[in-house]
């Protein structure tokens, strides 16, 4: 069973080679997802981003590359953690204390 099903949908569908059909920036692409995903799916994606980072504390960048190799957050000036932080900001994810 997929560990991160909504994140797989989000990253796998929106941050692909043809990402520009959704937008030119991370914010534009994430807002496109936000418009169609609905509250429950957005909340799930937020939880899965936190889980992915927790599950891959030391090697998040390597784990991200292995899973979604066609998209590299470093090319956009981000680590995996900072990329997820940016997505969570755009999606208005609740903060987990």
Protein backbone atom coordinates (compact mmCIF):
# COMPACT_ATOMS: atom_id res chain seq x y z
CA UNK A 1 0.00 0.00 0.00
CA UNK A 2 1.23 3.49 -0.85
CA UNK A 3 2.56 5.34 2.22
CA UNK A 4 1.83 8.80 0.82
CA UNK A 5 -1.13 8.43 -1.54
CA UNK A 6 -2.23 12.07 -1.66
CA UNK A 7 1.31 13.36 -1.85
CA UNK A 8 1.90 10.91 -4.69
CA UNK A 9 -1.10 12.41 -6.49
CA UNK A 10 -0.02 15.99 -5.79
CA UNK A 11 3.70 15.74 -6.62
CA UNK A 12 3.28 13.01 -9.21
CA UNK A 13 0.57 14.85 -11.14
CA UNK A 14 1.46 18.53 -10.73
CA UNK A 15 5.26 18.67 -10.44
CA UNK A 16 6.08 16.71 -13.59
CA UNK A 17 7.95 17.47 -16.80
CA UNK A 18 4.92 19.36 -18.10
CA UNK A 19 4.40 21.31 -14.87
CA UNK A 20 4.01 24.52 -16.86
CA UNK A 21 0.47 23.52 -17.81
CA UNK A 22 -0.36 24.18 -14.13
CA UNK A 23 1.81 27.27 -13.64
CA UNK A 24 5.28 28.76 -13.85
CA UNK A 25 6.05 28.96 -10.12
CA UNK A 26 5.68 26.66 -7.14
CA UNK A 27 2.91 28.92 -5.87
CA UNK A 28 0.96 28.86 -9.14
CA UNK A 29 1.22 25.08 -9.38
CA UNK A 30 0.21 24.54 -5.75
CA UNK A 31 -2.73 26.92 -6.11
CA UNK A 32 -3.90 24.96 -9.14
CA UNK A 33 -3.89 21.79 -7.01
CA UNK A 34 -5.61 23.65 -4.16
CA UNK A 35 -8.47 24.76 -6.44
CA UNK A 36 -9.39 21.18 -7.38
CA UNK A 37 -8.29 19.05 -4.41
CA UNK A 38 -10.76 20.03 -1.72
CA UNK A 39 -10.20 20.42 2.01
CA UNK A 40 -9.85 16.74 2.95
CA UNK A 41 -7.27 16.00 0.27
CA UNK A 42 -5.28 19.14 1.12
CA UNK A 43 -5.25 18.19 4.80
CA UNK A 44 -4.11 14.69 3.85
CA UNK A 45 -1.30 16.09 1.68
CA UNK A 46 -0.20 18.30 4.58
CA UNK A 47 -0.09 15.33 6.95
CA UNK A 48 1.81 13.24 4.41
CA UNK A 49 4.46 15.95 3.89
CA UNK A 50 5.12 15.97 7.64
CA UNK A 51 5.16 12.15 7.70
CA UNK A 52 7.57 12.01 4.75
CA UNK A 53 10.02 14.34 6.51
CA UNK A 54 9.66 12.42 9.80
CA UNK A 55 10.16 9.09 8.01
CA UNK A 56 13.26 10.38 6.18
CA UNK A 57 14.90 12.64 8.76
CA UNK A 58 18.44 12.22 7.46
CA UNK A 59 17.88 11.43 3.81
CA UNK A 60 14.76 13.37 2.78
CA UNK A 61 16.38 14.75 -0.39
CA UNK A 62 17.56 11.30 -1.50
CA UNK A 63 14.20 9.70 -0.66
CA UNK A 64 12.38 12.46 -2.57
CA UNK A 65 14.64 11.94 -5.61
CA UNK A 66 14.06 8.19 -5.52
CA UNK A 67 10.29 8.67 -5.40
CA UNK A 68 9.79 11.74 -7.63
CA UNK A 69 13.01 11.88 -9.61
CA UNK A 70 11.55 13.87 -12.48
CA UNK A 71 11.18 16.90 -10.16
CA UNK A 72 14.12 18.30 -8.21
CA UNK A 73 13.33 20.96 -5.57
CA UNK A 74 17.01 22.03 -5.64
CA UNK A 75 16.52 23.39 -9.15
CA UNK A 76 13.94 25.74 -7.62
CA UNK A 77 16.26 26.74 -4.75
CA UNK A 78 14.82 24.34 -2.17
CA UNK A 79 15.65 21.29 -0.13
CA UNK A 80 12.85 18.78 0.22
CA UNK A 81 12.03 20.17 3.67
CA UNK A 82 11.93 23.80 2.50
CA UNK A 83 9.92 22.81 -0.59
CA UNK A 84 7.34 21.10 1.63
CA UNK A 85 7.34 24.14 3.97
CA UNK A 86 6.57 26.34 0.97
CA UNK A 87 3.78 24.02 -0.19
CA UNK A 88 2.31 23.92 3.32
CA UNK A 89 2.36 27.72 3.48
CA UNK A 90 0.56 28.01 0.13
CA UNK A 91 -1.98 25.32 1.05
CA UNK A 92 -2.55 26.90 4.48
CA UNK A 93 -1.73 23.67 6.27
CA UNK A 94 -2.39 23.66 10.00
CA UNK A 95 0.77 23.84 12.07
CA UNK A 96 1.62 20.75 14.06
CA UNK A 97 3.10 21.57 17.45
